[in-house]
Protein backbone atom coordinates (compact mmCIF):
# COMPACT_ATOMS: atom_id res chain seq x y z
CA MET A 1 0.10 0.29 0.14
CA ARG A 2 1.02 3.35 -0.95
CA ARG A 3 1.31 6.33 1.50
CA ILE A 4 0.50 9.77 0.96
CA PRO A 5 3.05 12.11 2.11
CA LEU A 6 1.44 14.53 4.52
CA TRP A 7 2.66 17.88 2.40
CA SER A 8 0.54 16.81 -0.57
CA LEU A 9 -2.44 16.62 1.59
CA ILE A 10 -2.13 19.82 2.94
CA CYS A 11 -0.98 21.68 0.10
CA LEU A 12 -4.76 19.98 -1.40
CA LEU A 13 -6.33 21.59 1.26
CA ALA A 14 -5.03 24.88 1.26
CA VAL A 15 -6.51 24.74 -2.42
CA ALA A 16 -9.64 23.21 -1.90
CA ILE A 17 -10.85 25.10 1.16
CA PRO A 18 -10.24 28.55 -0.27
CA ALA A 19 -12.22 27.50 -3.56
CA PHE A 20 -14.89 25.87 -1.56
CA GLY A 21 -15.35 29.73 0.54
CA ALA A 22 -15.28 31.67 -2.67
CA GLN A 23 -17.56 29.72 -4.00
CA THR A 24 -20.26 30.00 -1.20
CA THR A 25 -19.90 33.22 -0.80
CA THR A 26 -20.48 34.19 -4.66
CA THR A 27 -23.71 32.34 -3.82
CA LYS A 28 -24.25 34.66 -1.18
CA LYS A 29 -23.86 37.67 -3.00
CA SER A 30 -25.98 36.53 -5.67
CA ALA A 31 -29.06 36.07 -3.35
CA THR A 32 -28.63 39.34 -1.47
CA ALA A 33 -27.68 41.09 -5.00
CA LYS A 34 -31.81 40.64 -5.91
CA ALA A 35 -32.83 42.17 -2.61
CA PRO A 36 -34.15 46.06 -3.66
CA ALA A 37 -32.36 49.32 -1.92
CA SER A 38 -36.69 50.78 -1.90
CA PRO A 39 -39.45 49.21 -2.09
CA VAL A 40 -40.95 48.08 -6.09
CA ASN A 41 -43.84 49.97 -7.35
CA LEU A 42 -45.59 47.32 -9.36
CA ASN A 43 -47.76 49.58 -11.20
CA THR A 44 -44.54 51.91 -12.70
CA ALA A 45 -41.37 49.53 -12.35
CA SER A 46 -39.42 48.96 -15.36
CA GLN A 47 -38.53 45.49 -16.11
CA ASP A 48 -35.01 45.68 -15.21
CA GLU A 49 -36.37 46.90 -11.74
CA LEU A 50 -38.69 44.14 -11.17
CA GLU A 51 -35.89 41.85 -11.88
CA THR A 52 -34.11 43.02 -9.07
CA LEU A 53 -36.80 41.15 -6.49
CA PRO A 54 -36.17 37.64 -5.61
CA GLY A 55 -37.80 34.78 -7.70
CA VAL A 56 -38.38 37.62 -10.35
CA GLY A 57 -36.63 37.06 -14.02
CA PRO A 58 -37.70 38.25 -16.98
CA ALA A 59 -40.44 35.61 -17.83
CA THR A 60 -42.39 37.19 -14.55
CA ALA A 61 -41.34 40.68 -15.20
CA LYS A 62 -43.06 40.75 -18.52
CA LYS A 63 -46.49 38.43 -17.06
CA ILE A 64 -46.28 41.27 -13.90
CA ILE A 65 -45.96 43.80 -16.49
CA ALA A 66 -48.81 42.69 -18.98
CA GLY A 67 -50.85 42.23 -16.08
CA ARG A 68 -51.11 45.91 -14.80
CA PRO A 69 -52.71 48.08 -13.13
CA TYR A 70 -52.60 45.81 -9.88
CA SER A 71 -54.97 47.43 -6.47
CA SER A 72 -53.47 44.62 -4.17
CA VAL A 73 -50.09 42.66 -4.34
CA ALA A 74 -52.50 39.49 -4.26
CA ASP A 75 -53.42 40.77 -8.11
CA LEU A 76 -50.38 39.25 -8.98
CA ALA A 77 -51.54 35.79 -8.49
CA LYS A 78 -54.28 36.61 -11.56
CA SER A 79 -51.25 37.35 -13.92
CA GLY A 80 -49.47 34.29 -13.59
CA VAL A 81 -47.08 34.80 -11.06
CA PRO A 82 -46.21 31.91 -8.74
CA LYS A 83 -47.44 31.98 -4.76
CA GLY A 84 -44.03 31.31 -3.53
CA THR A 85 -42.85 34.38 -5.45
CA ILE A 86 -45.66 36.44 -4.64
CA ASP A 87 -44.87 35.63 -0.58
CA LYS A 88 -41.44 36.49 -1.10
CA ILE A 89 -41.34 39.88 -2.68
CA THR A 90 -45.06 41.05 -0.69
CA SER A 91 -42.20 43.24 1.39
CA MET A 92 -40.65 44.57 -1.12
CA VAL A 93 -43.14 45.73 -3.32
CA THR A 94 -45.62 48.69 -3.41
CA ILE A 95 -48.63 49.48 -5.31
CA GLY A 96 -48.71 53.12 -6.20
CA ALA A 97 -50.82 55.46 -8.19
CA ALA A 98 -50.08 54.35 -11.51
CA GLY A 99 -53.46 52.42 -11.05
CA ALA A 100 -55.37 55.46 -10.15
CA ALA A 101 -53.33 57.41 -12.95
CA ALA A 102 -54.02 54.43 -15.75
CA ALA A 103 -57.56 55.03 -14.44
CA PRO A 104 -57.78 58.46 -15.59
CA LYS A 105 -56.23 57.97 -19.09
CA SER A 106 -58.59 55.52 -19.86
CA ALA A 107 -61.25 57.65 -18.25
CA PRO A 108 -61.82 60.38 -20.87
CA PRO A 109 -62.97 57.44 -23.70
CA ALA A 110 -65.56 56.13 -20.78
CA SER A 111 -67.25 59.45 -20.73
CA ALA A 112 -68.90 58.49 -23.43
CA GLN A 113 -71.37 55.99 -22.88
CA PRO A 114 -70.94 53.32 -25.79
CA ALA A 115 -67.83 53.48 -24.96
CA ALA A 116 -68.24 52.44 -21.68
CA PRO A 117 -68.60 48.57 -21.70
CA ALA A 118 -65.76 48.22 -24.14
CA ALA A 119 -62.95 49.83 -21.47
CA PRO A 120 -63.40 47.31 -18.63
CA PRO A 121 -62.44 44.15 -20.28
CA LYS A 122 -59.38 46.09 -21.73
CA THR A 123 -57.63 47.02 -18.77
CA SER A 124 -58.75 43.63 -17.40
CA ALA A 125 -55.97 41.14 -17.72
CA PRO A 126 -57.19 39.12 -14.30
CA ALA A 127 -58.28 35.62 -15.00
CA SER A 128 -61.30 36.91 -12.13
CA ALA A 129 -64.65 36.80 -13.71
CA GLN A 130 -65.82 40.17 -15.37
CA GLN A 131 -69.03 41.20 -15.02
CA PRO A 132 -71.14 41.82 -18.23
CA PRO A 133 -72.51 45.21 -18.67
CA ALA A 134 -75.77 43.80 -19.86
CA LYS A 135 -77.49 40.78 -19.45
CA GLY A 136 -77.25 37.92 -22.09
CA MET A 137 -73.97 39.25 -23.55
CA VAL A 138 -71.41 36.93 -24.43
CA TRP A 139 -67.80 37.00 -23.35
CA VAL A 140 -65.31 36.80 -26.51
CA ASN A 141 -61.87 35.75 -26.20
CA LEU A 142 -60.08 37.89 -29.06
CA ASP A 143 -57.08 35.67 -28.89
CA THR A 144 -58.90 32.15 -29.49
CA LYS A 145 -61.77 34.23 -31.68
CA VAL A 146 -64.08 31.97 -29.69
CA PHE A 147 -66.86 33.56 -27.06
CA HIS A 148 -68.26 31.67 -24.21
CA ARG A 149 -72.07 32.00 -22.81
CA GLU A 150 -72.88 32.60 -19.20
CA GLY A 151 -72.05 29.58 -17.13
CA ASP A 152 -69.12 28.35 -19.03
CA ARG A 153 -66.16 28.69 -16.92
CA TYR A 154 -64.47 31.08 -19.14
CA TYR A 155 -67.02 33.59 -19.21
CA GLY A 156 -65.34 36.58 -18.26
CA LYS A 157 -62.21 35.19 -17.13
CA THR A 158 -59.87 34.84 -19.81
CA LYS A 159 -57.25 37.78 -20.25
CA ASN A 160 -58.10 39.23 -23.59
CA GLY A 161 -61.30 39.08 -24.00
CA LYS A 162 -64.44 41.60 -24.35
CA PHE A 163 -68.21 41.22 -23.33
CA MET A 164 -70.06 41.32 -26.78
CA THR A 165 -74.02 40.79 -27.60
CA GLU A 166 -74.04 37.64 -29.36
CA ALA A 167 -75.36 38.50 -32.42
CA ASP A 168 -72.32 41.35 -32.85
CA ALA A 169 -69.77 38.28 -31.70
CA LEU A 170 -70.92 36.23 -34.72
CA LYS A 171 -71.22 38.95 -37.11
CA ALA A 172 -67.51 39.89 -35.98
CA GLY A 173 -66.14 36.49 -37.25
CA TYR A 174 -66.35 34.73 -33.53
CA ARG A 175 -67.57 31.11 -33.28
CA GLU A 176 -69.10 29.48 -30.17
CA ALA A 177 -66.96 27.70 -27.90
CA LYS A 178 -67.59 23.63 -27.72
CA MET A 179 -67.78 23.51 -23.91
CA GLY A 180 -69.81 20.42 -22.59
CA THR A 181 -70.96 18.82 -26.00
CA THR A 182 -70.71 15.21 -26.15
CA LYS A 183 -70.70 13.21 -29.29
CA LYS A 184 -73.73 10.09 -29.34
CA SER A 185 -72.10 6.92 -30.48
CA THR A 186 -72.91 5.33 -33.71
CA LYS A 187 -72.71 2.19 -32.48
CA GLY A 188 -76.00 0.16 -32.38
């Protein structure tokens, strides 16, 4: 059996320990570098500012920006931000006056009575159900070109949609969603 000289083990440890320590220090620095110095306003922050929050990368920052305006931190869930990330950043974010500032920008078109029903769905990216301006209206998903009737699980909930009368939806080229239809068996 061959013995390894003690001095070679000491040299090996002298090289390995500082390298290991430097690696853990780098990891700690990158974790603490994600904490912002001051609270980040969810309604006005840029993508770069949002990415300073822990657990928020480019994709999550884009989700946050797309879901604006927010009235509470809990609204982030409606934009697809994971609950764990929301829990991490709650103490580091604020909901500023941008939600109030965004309302006046859309308020002048809403002052005209016909435009009022169309304005809420455009600003309503959240997945919570919107209330129709009039009874019997359908919810049109502008992305899929499909409309949903009252009682459908997607009624008023898709991110990019609006309420219309069924006749207007059909006239505009939208089709009814195939929800709950069953195929009849042809076997005898």
